[in-house]
Amino acid sequence: MAKPTNHPRLRLTRKAFTRQLDRNTALREEIQALRRQVKDLLQPPAENSATQLPSAGEKLAEWGRRLRFDEPVFTLRAQDITAPNSVRRWAASVADLLGSKDKIGDAMLTAARMEHWQRRYGCKVPD
């Protein structure tokens, strides 16, 4: 039986595998942290809690200050049955392109809040 050789391409492959494994572990930990944040957000606030999520009107007013008057905007509502998955796909594309963790986290939390809203009030096919 021949002994395995320590081929340079094989060493490179092992290094690449180890790096990818480290990246996957880090991503798994980030996903678990995001899941904990989502779980915390979906808990009903205590009656004496002063933390309030911004209303849709407050968010629209904030976006209105940032947008140019002629900039096209696309809005997804929580009642739209496809909205949570659409937001998640958008977050995945942002992760691939920019790696912006804040935007990804915000989008994932929004998707989870949309699903929570749908369970509470129902959802439908988009108008």
N, C-alpha and C. Protein backbone atom coordinates (compact mmCIF):
# COMPACT_ATOMS: atom_id res chain seq x y z
N MET A 1 0.85 -1.17 0.00
CA MET A 1 0.00 0.00 0.00
C MET A 1 0.90 1.24 0.00
N ALA A 2 0.61 2.20 -0.85
CA ALA A 2 1.42 3.40 -0.97
C ALA A 2 1.08 4.38 0.14
N LYS A 3 2.13 5.08 0.58
CA LYS A 3 1.91 6.11 1.61
C LYS A 3 1.32 7.36 0.96
N PRO A 4 0.41 8.03 1.65
CA PRO A 4 -0.11 9.30 1.10
C PRO A 4 1.00 10.34 1.13
N THR A 5 1.08 11.14 0.08
CA THR A 5 2.09 12.19 0.01
C THR A 5 1.50 13.49 0.49
N ASN A 6 2.37 14.36 0.93
CA ASN A 6 1.93 15.68 1.39
C ASN A 6 2.01 16.64 0.20
N HIS A 7 1.05 16.53 -0.67
CA HIS A 7 1.02 17.31 -1.91
C HIS A 7 0.68 18.77 -1.61
N PRO A 8 1.36 19.76 -2.27
CA PRO A 8 1.09 21.18 -1.99
C PRO A 8 -0.35 21.59 -2.23
N ARG A 9 -1.00 21.06 -3.26
CA ARG A 9 -2.40 21.42 -3.52
C ARG A 9 -3.31 20.91 -2.42
N LEU A 10 -2.97 19.76 -1.89
CA LEU A 10 -3.75 19.20 -0.80
C LEU A 10 -3.61 20.05 0.46
N ARG A 11 -2.39 20.54 0.72
CA ARG A 11 -2.19 21.44 1.87
C ARG A 11 -3.02 22.70 1.71
N LEU A 12 -3.02 23.27 0.52
CA LEU A 12 -3.81 24.48 0.26
C LEU A 12 -5.29 24.20 0.49
N THR A 13 -5.74 23.05 0.05
CA THR A 13 -7.14 22.68 0.23
C THR A 13 -7.47 22.56 1.72
N ARG A 14 -6.57 21.97 2.49
CA ARG A 14 -6.80 21.86 3.93
C ARG A 14 -6.88 23.23 4.58
N LYS A 15 -5.98 24.14 4.17
CA LYS A 15 -6.01 25.50 4.72
C LYS A 15 -7.32 26.20 4.36
N ALA A 16 -7.72 26.08 3.10
CA ALA A 16 -8.97 26.71 2.67
C ALA A 16 -10.16 26.12 3.43
N PHE A 17 -10.14 24.80 3.63
CA PHE A 17 -11.22 24.15 4.36
C PHE A 17 -11.28 24.66 5.80
N THR A 18 -10.13 24.80 6.43
CA THR A 18 -10.08 25.28 7.80
C THR A 18 -10.59 26.72 7.89
N ARG A 19 -10.18 27.57 6.93
CA ARG A 19 -10.68 28.95 6.92
C ARG A 19 -12.19 28.99 6.74
N GLN A 20 -12.71 28.17 5.83
CA GLN A 20 -14.15 28.15 5.60
C GLN A 20 -14.89 27.64 6.83
N LEU A 21 -14.32 26.65 7.49
CA LEU A 21 -14.93 26.13 8.71
C LEU A 21 -14.97 27.22 9.79
N ASP A 22 -13.90 28.01 9.91
CA ASP A 22 -13.89 29.11 10.87
C ASP A 22 -14.94 30.15 10.52
N ARG A 23 -15.07 30.47 9.23
CA ARG A 23 -16.09 31.44 8.80
C ARG A 23 -17.49 30.91 9.11
N ASN A 24 -17.73 29.64 8.83
CA ASN A 24 -19.04 29.06 9.09
C ASN A 24 -19.37 29.10 10.58
N THR A 25 -18.39 28.83 11.42
CA THR A 25 -18.61 28.88 12.87
C THR A 25 -18.97 30.30 13.30
N ALA A 26 -18.25 31.29 12.76
CA ALA A 26 -18.55 32.68 13.10
C ALA A 26 -19.94 33.07 12.63
N LEU A 27 -20.31 32.67 11.41
CA LEU A 27 -21.65 32.98 10.90
C LEU A 27 -22.73 32.30 11.74
N ARG A 28 -22.48 31.06 12.14
CA ARG A 28 -23.45 30.35 12.97
C ARG A 28 -23.68 31.08 14.28
N GLU A 29 -22.60 31.59 14.88
CA GLU A 29 -22.72 32.34 16.13
C GLU A 29 -23.49 33.64 15.92
N GLU A 30 -23.25 34.33 14.79
CA GLU A 30 -24.00 35.56 14.49
C GLU A 30 -25.48 35.26 14.30
N ILE A 31 -25.78 34.17 13.61
CA ILE A 31 -27.18 33.79 13.39
C ILE A 31 -27.87 33.49 14.72
N GLN A 32 -27.18 32.80 15.62
CA GLN A 32 -27.76 32.51 16.93
C GLN A 32 -28.01 33.79 17.71
N ALA A 33 -27.09 34.75 17.61
CA ALA A 33 -27.28 36.03 18.30
C ALA A 33 -28.48 36.77 17.71
N LEU A 34 -28.63 36.75 16.39
CA LEU A 34 -29.79 37.39 15.76
C LEU A 34 -31.08 36.71 16.17
N ARG A 35 -31.07 35.39 16.26
CA ARG A 35 -32.27 34.68 16.70
C ARG A 35 -32.67 35.07 18.11
N ARG A 36 -31.66 35.23 18.99
CA ARG A 36 -31.96 35.66 20.36
C ARG A 36 -32.57 37.06 20.35
N GLN A 37 -32.03 37.96 19.50
CA GLN A 37 -32.58 39.32 19.42
C GLN A 37 -34.02 39.28 18.93
N VAL A 38 -34.28 38.46 17.91
CA VAL A 38 -35.64 38.34 17.38
C VAL A 38 -36.57 37.81 18.46
N LYS A 39 -36.15 36.79 19.17
CA LYS A 39 -36.98 36.23 20.25
C LYS A 39 -37.29 37.29 21.29
N ASP A 40 -36.29 38.09 21.66
CA ASP A 40 -36.52 39.16 22.63
C ASP A 40 -37.50 40.19 22.11
N LEU A 41 -37.39 40.53 20.81
CA LEU A 41 -38.30 41.52 20.23
C LEU A 41 -39.73 41.02 20.16
N LEU A 42 -39.90 39.72 19.98
CA LEU A 42 -41.24 39.18 19.84
C LEU A 42 -41.94 38.99 21.19
N GLN A 43 -41.20 39.11 22.26
CA GLN A 43 -41.81 39.03 23.59
C GLN A 43 -42.64 40.29 23.81
N PRO A 44 -43.82 40.16 24.36
CA PRO A 44 -44.61 41.36 24.62
C PRO A 44 -43.91 42.24 25.65
N PRO A 45 -43.92 43.55 25.43
CA PRO A 45 -43.24 44.44 26.39
C PRO A 45 -43.97 44.45 27.73
N ALA A 46 -43.20 44.68 28.77
CA ALA A 46 -43.79 44.80 30.10
C ALA A 46 -44.70 46.03 30.12
N GLU A 47 -45.70 46.00 30.96
CA GLU A 47 -46.67 47.11 30.98
C GLU A 47 -46.04 48.44 31.34
N ASN A 48 -45.00 48.41 32.15
CA ASN A 48 -44.35 49.66 32.54
C ASN A 48 -43.12 49.95 31.69
N SER A 49 -42.97 49.21 30.59
CA SER A 49 -41.79 49.38 29.73
C SER A 49 -41.90 50.69 28.95
N ALA A 50 -40.82 51.44 28.94
CA ALA A 50 -40.81 52.70 28.21
C ALA A 50 -40.29 52.53 26.80
N THR A 51 -39.83 51.33 26.43
CA THR A 51 -39.29 51.12 25.09
C THR A 51 -40.43 50.86 24.12
N GLN A 52 -40.57 51.73 23.16
CA GLN A 52 -41.59 51.60 22.14
C GLN A 52 -40.92 51.50 20.78
N LEU A 53 -41.41 50.59 19.96
CA LEU A 53 -40.91 50.51 18.59
C LEU A 53 -41.50 51.66 17.79
N PRO A 54 -40.74 52.19 16.83
CA PRO A 54 -41.28 53.29 16.04
C PRO A 54 -42.47 52.82 15.20
N SER A 55 -43.44 53.69 15.06
CA SER A 55 -44.62 53.36 14.25
C SER A 55 -44.25 53.48 12.78
N ALA A 56 -45.14 52.96 11.93
CA ALA A 56 -44.90 53.05 10.49
C ALA A 56 -44.83 54.51 10.05
N GLY A 57 -45.68 55.35 10.65
CA GLY A 57 -45.67 56.77 10.30
C GLY A 57 -44.35 57.44 10.66
N GLU A 58 -43.80 57.08 11.83
CA GLU A 58 -42.50 57.63 12.24
C GLU A 58 -41.39 57.17 11.32
N LYS A 59 -41.43 55.90 10.91
CA LYS A 59 -40.42 55.40 9.99
C LYS A 59 -40.54 56.08 8.63
N LEU A 60 -41.76 56.24 8.14
CA LEU A 60 -41.94 56.92 6.86
C LEU A 60 -41.46 58.36 6.91
N ALA A 61 -41.71 59.04 8.02
CA ALA A 61 -41.23 60.42 8.16
C ALA A 61 -39.71 60.45 8.15
N GLU A 62 -39.07 59.50 8.81
CA GLU A 62 -37.61 59.44 8.81
C GLU A 62 -37.07 59.18 7.41
N TRP A 63 -37.69 58.22 6.71
CA TRP A 63 -37.24 57.92 5.35
C TRP A 63 -37.47 59.12 4.43
N GLY A 64 -38.58 59.83 4.65
CA GLY A 64 -38.87 61.00 3.83
C GLY A 64 -37.80 62.07 3.94
N ARG A 65 -37.20 62.19 5.10
CA ARG A 65 -36.12 63.16 5.26
C ARG A 65 -34.86 62.73 4.52
N ARG A 66 -34.67 61.42 4.33
CA ARG A 66 -33.46 60.92 3.68
C ARG A 66 -33.59 60.80 2.16
N LEU A 67 -34.80 60.66 1.66
CA LEU A 67 -35.00 60.41 0.23
C LEU A 67 -34.98 61.70 -0.59
N ARG A 68 -34.50 61.56 -1.80
CA ARG A 68 -34.67 62.66 -2.76
C ARG A 68 -36.12 62.62 -3.23
N PHE A 69 -36.63 63.75 -3.62
CA PHE A 69 -38.05 63.81 -3.98
C PHE A 69 -38.39 62.94 -5.19
N ASP A 70 -37.42 62.64 -6.05
CA ASP A 70 -37.70 61.86 -7.26
C ASP A 70 -37.20 60.40 -7.16
N GLU A 71 -36.79 59.98 -5.95
CA GLU A 71 -36.25 58.62 -5.81
C GLU A 71 -37.39 57.60 -5.71
N PRO A 72 -37.38 56.58 -6.57
CA PRO A 72 -38.42 55.54 -6.48
C PRO A 72 -38.25 54.70 -5.21
N VAL A 73 -39.35 54.29 -4.62
CA VAL A 73 -39.35 53.50 -3.38
C VAL A 73 -40.34 52.36 -3.55
N PHE A 74 -39.99 51.19 -3.01
CA PHE A 74 -40.90 50.04 -3.03
C PHE A 74 -41.19 49.66 -1.59
N THR A 75 -42.45 49.54 -1.24
CA THR A 75 -42.84 49.26 0.14
C THR A 75 -43.49 47.88 0.23
N LEU A 76 -43.09 47.13 1.25
CA LEU A 76 -43.72 45.85 1.56
C LEU A 76 -44.46 46.00 2.88
N ARG A 77 -45.69 45.50 2.92
CA ARG A 77 -46.47 45.56 4.15
C ARG A 77 -46.48 44.18 4.80
N ALA A 78 -46.63 44.17 6.12
CA ALA A 78 -46.63 42.91 6.86
C ALA A 78 -47.80 42.02 6.45
N GLN A 79 -48.90 42.60 6.00
CA GLN A 79 -50.06 41.80 5.61
C GLN A 79 -49.81 41.01 4.32
N ASP A 80 -48.78 41.38 3.57
CA ASP A 80 -48.41 40.69 2.33
C ASP A 80 -47.76 39.35 2.71
N ILE A 81 -48.35 38.24 2.28
CA ILE A 81 -47.86 36.92 2.67
C ILE A 81 -46.41 36.69 2.23
N THR A 82 -45.96 37.35 1.18
CA THR A 82 -44.60 37.14 0.67
C THR A 82 -43.57 38.09 1.29
N ALA A 83 -44.00 39.05 2.08
CA ALA A 83 -43.10 40.10 2.58
C ALA A 83 -41.94 39.56 3.42
N PRO A 84 -42.17 38.70 4.44
CA PRO A 84 -41.03 38.26 5.25
C PRO A 84 -39.93 37.58 4.44
N ASN A 85 -40.33 36.67 3.53
CA ASN A 85 -39.32 35.99 2.71
C ASN A 85 -38.64 36.95 1.74
N SER A 86 -39.37 37.92 1.24
CA SER A 86 -38.76 38.91 0.35
C SER A 86 -37.71 39.72 1.09
N VAL A 87 -38.02 40.09 2.31
CA VAL A 87 -37.06 40.86 3.13
C VAL A 87 -35.83 40.00 3.42
N ARG A 88 -36.03 38.72 3.72
CA ARG A 88 -34.89 37.83 3.99
C ARG A 88 -34.00 37.67 2.75
N ARG A 89 -34.63 37.53 1.58
CA ARG A 89 -33.83 37.41 0.34
C ARG A 89 -33.05 38.69 0.09
N TRP A 90 -33.67 39.83 0.36
CA TRP A 90 -32.95 41.10 0.21
C TRP A 90 -31.76 41.14 1.16
N ALA A 91 -31.96 40.70 2.40
CA ALA A 91 -30.87 40.70 3.38
C ALA A 91 -29.73 39.78 2.93
N ALA A 92 -30.08 38.64 2.35
CA ALA A 92 -29.05 37.72 1.87
C ALA A 92 -28.24 38.36 0.74
N SER A 93 -28.91 39.09 -0.15
CA SER A 93 -28.18 39.74 -1.24
C SER A 93 -27.29 40.86 -0.72
N VAL A 94 -27.73 41.57 0.29
CA VAL A 94 -26.90 42.61 0.89
C VAL A 94 -25.70 41.97 1.58
N ALA A 95 -25.92 40.84 2.24
CA ALA A 95 -24.81 40.15 2.92
C ALA A 95 -23.76 39.72 1.91
N ASP A 96 -24.21 39.22 0.75
CA ASP A 96 -23.26 38.79 -0.28
C ASP A 96 -22.50 39.96 -0.88
N LEU A 97 -23.17 41.09 -1.05
CA LEU A 97 -22.54 42.22 -1.71
C LEU A 97 -21.72 43.10 -0.78
N LEU A 98 -22.28 43.43 0.37
CA LEU A 98 -21.65 44.41 1.23
C LEU A 98 -21.19 43.86 2.57
N GLY A 99 -21.87 42.86 3.05
CA GLY A 99 -21.53 42.34 4.37
C GLY A 99 -21.89 43.29 5.49
N SER A 100 -22.87 44.17 5.28
CA SER A 100 -23.28 45.14 6.29
C SER A 100 -24.13 44.44 7.35
N LYS A 101 -23.53 44.17 8.50
CA LYS A 101 -24.22 43.41 9.54
C LYS A 101 -25.39 44.17 10.15
N ASP A 102 -25.29 45.49 10.25
CA ASP A 102 -26.39 46.27 10.82
C ASP A 102 -27.62 46.17 9.94
N LYS A 103 -27.45 46.36 8.65
CA LYS A 103 -28.58 46.29 7.72
C LYS A 103 -29.18 44.89 7.70
N ILE A 104 -28.32 43.87 7.72
CA ILE A 104 -28.79 42.49 7.70
C ILE A 104 -29.60 42.21 8.96
N GLY A 105 -29.08 42.62 10.10
CA GLY A 105 -29.79 42.41 11.36
C GLY A 105 -31.13 43.12 11.39
N ASP A 106 -31.16 44.37 10.92
CA ASP A 106 -32.42 45.11 10.87
C ASP A 106 -33.43 44.41 9.97
N ALA A 107 -32.96 43.94 8.82
CA ALA A 107 -33.87 43.28 7.88
C ALA A 107 -34.41 41.97 8.46
N MET A 108 -33.54 41.20 9.10
CA MET A 108 -33.99 39.94 9.69
C MET A 108 -34.98 40.18 10.82
N LEU A 109 -34.75 41.20 11.61
CA LEU A 109 -35.69 41.54 12.68
C LEU A 109 -37.02 42.00 12.10
N THR A 110 -36.96 42.78 11.03
CA THR A 110 -38.19 43.23 10.38
C THR A 110 -38.97 42.05 9.84
N ALA A 111 -38.29 41.10 9.22
CA ALA A 111 -38.96 39.90 8.70
C ALA A 111 -39.63 39.12 9.83
N ALA A 112 -38.93 38.99 10.94
CA ALA A 112 -39.51 38.27 12.09
C ALA A 112 -40.72 39.02 12.65
N ARG A 113 -40.62 40.35 12.72
CA ARG A 113 -41.76 41.14 13.21
C ARG A 113 -42.94 41.03 12.26
N MET A 114 -42.66 40.97 10.94
CA MET A 114 -43.74 40.79 9.96
C MET A 114 -44.45 39.47 10.17
N GLU A 115 -43.68 38.40 10.39
CA GLU A 115 -44.29 37.09 10.63
C GLU A 115 -45.12 37.10 11.91
N HIS A 116 -44.61 37.74 12.94
CA HIS A 116 -45.36 37.86 14.20
C HIS A 116 -46.67 38.59 13.95
N TRP A 117 -46.61 39.67 13.19
CA TRP A 117 -47.80 40.45 12.86
C TRP A 117 -48.78 39.58 12.08
N GLN A 118 -48.27 38.80 11.12
CA GLN A 118 -49.14 37.94 10.32
C GLN A 118 -49.84 36.89 11.17
N ARG A 119 -49.12 36.31 12.14
CA ARG A 119 -49.75 35.33 13.02
C ARG A 119 -50.85 35.98 13.86
N ARG A 120 -50.64 37.21 14.21
CA ARG A 120 -51.60 37.90 15.07
C ARG A 120 -52.82 38.42 14.30
N TYR A 121 -52.57 39.01 13.11
CA TYR A 121 -53.66 39.67 12.37
C TYR A 121 -54.04 38.98 11.07
N GLY A 122 -53.23 38.04 10.60
CA GLY A 122 -53.50 37.38 9.34
C GLY A 122 -52.74 38.01 8.20
N CYS A 123 -52.75 37.33 7.09
CA CYS A 123 -52.05 37.84 5.91
C CYS A 123 -52.83 37.47 4.67
N LYS A 124 -52.43 38.05 3.55
CA LYS A 124 -53.16 37.80 2.29
C LYS A 124 -52.20 37.99 1.11
N VAL A 125 -52.69 37.64 -0.05
CA VAL A 125 -51.95 37.85 -1.28
C VAL A 125 -51.90 39.36 -1.51
N PRO A 126 -50.78 39.88 -2.03
CA PRO A 126 -50.66 41.33 -2.20
C PRO A 126 -51.78 41.92 -3.06
N ASP A 127 -52.15 43.16 -2.76
CA ASP A 127 -53.18 43.87 -3.53
C ASP A 127 -52.65 44.23 -4.91
